[in-house]
């Protein structure tokens, strides 16, 4: 994952992902730019999933400790 994305919080990654999707839906970009946006969107989505998985694990651990 790119370092700039790896350092994002869940909220920051989600916000950037929404912006990427909006740009792709709007169209008007070159194929090369669209591919770069798609790849960034995929990385942002993975970052969000990583955060959510971490939260699930913390919740499960808290339930087991309680």
Protein backbone atom coordinates (compact mmCIF):
# COMPACT_ATOMS: atom_id res chain seq x y z
CA UNK A 1 0.00 0.00 0.00
CA UNK A 2 1.38 3.46 -0.82
CA UNK A 3 2.84 5.16 2.28
CA UNK A 4 0.55 8.17 1.96
CA UNK A 5 -2.49 5.89 2.07
CA UNK A 6 -1.08 3.66 4.80
CA UNK A 7 -0.89 6.67 7.13
CA UNK A 8 -4.55 7.67 6.67
CA UNK A 9 -7.22 7.28 9.31
CA UNK A 10 -10.41 5.46 8.36
CA UNK A 11 -12.28 8.73 7.93
CA UNK A 12 -9.55 10.25 5.74
CA UNK A 13 -9.34 7.16 3.55
CA UNK A 14 -13.13 7.00 3.18
CA UNK A 15 -13.32 10.69 2.28
CA UNK A 16 -10.64 10.31 -0.37
CA UNK A 17 -12.31 7.17 -1.71
CA UNK A 18 -15.60 9.05 -2.11
CA UNK A 19 -13.73 11.78 -4.04
CA UNK A 20 -12.09 9.20 -6.33
CA UNK A 21 -15.43 7.53 -7.07
CA UNK A 22 -17.00 10.91 -7.84
CA UNK A 23 -14.21 11.75 -10.29
CA UNK A 24 -14.54 8.41 -12.01
CA UNK A 25 -18.32 8.71 -12.25
CA UNK A 26 -18.05 12.24 -13.65
CA UNK A 27 -15.86 11.01 -16.50
CA UNK A 28 -13.90 13.33 -18.71
CA UNK A 29 -10.52 11.95 -17.69
CA UNK A 30 -8.06 10.17 -19.91
CA UNK A 31 -7.73 6.41 -19.76
CA UNK A 32 -4.37 6.74 -18.02
CA UNK A 33 -5.80 9.11 -15.39
CA UNK A 34 -8.84 6.87 -14.92
CA UNK A 35 -6.61 3.85 -14.33
CA UNK A 36 -4.52 5.79 -11.80
CA UNK A 37 -7.70 6.88 -10.01
CA UNK A 38 -9.00 3.31 -10.03
CA UNK A 39 -5.75 1.99 -8.53
CA UNK A 40 -5.80 4.67 -5.84
CA UNK A 41 -9.43 3.86 -5.11
CA UNK A 42 -8.58 0.18 -4.72
CA UNK A 43 -5.78 1.06 -2.27
CA UNK A 44 -8.09 3.38 -0.33
CA UNK A 45 -10.77 0.70 -0.13
CA UNK A 46 -8.18 -1.77 1.21
CA UNK A 47 -7.15 0.79 3.84
CA UNK A 48 -10.78 1.17 4.95
CA UNK A 49 -11.14 -2.62 5.12
CA UNK A 50 -7.94 -2.88 7.19
CA UNK A 51 -9.29 -0.34 9.66
CA UNK A 52 -12.64 -2.11 9.91
CA UNK A 53 -10.99 -5.49 10.39
CA UNK A 54 -8.85 -4.03 13.15
CA UNK A 55 -11.95 -2.65 14.83
CA UNK A 56 -13.67 -6.06 14.58
CA UNK A 57 -10.67 -7.74 16.20
CA UNK A 58 -10.58 -5.19 19.03
CA UNK A 59 -14.30 -5.69 19.66
CA UNK A 60 -13.91 -9.45 19.68
CA UNK A 61 -10.99 -9.19 22.09
CA UNK A 62 -12.98 -6.87 24.36
CA UNK A 63 -15.89 -9.33 24.40
CA UNK A 64 -13.61 -12.22 25.28
CA UNK A 65 -11.95 -10.26 28.10
CA UNK A 66 -15.26 -9.22 29.61
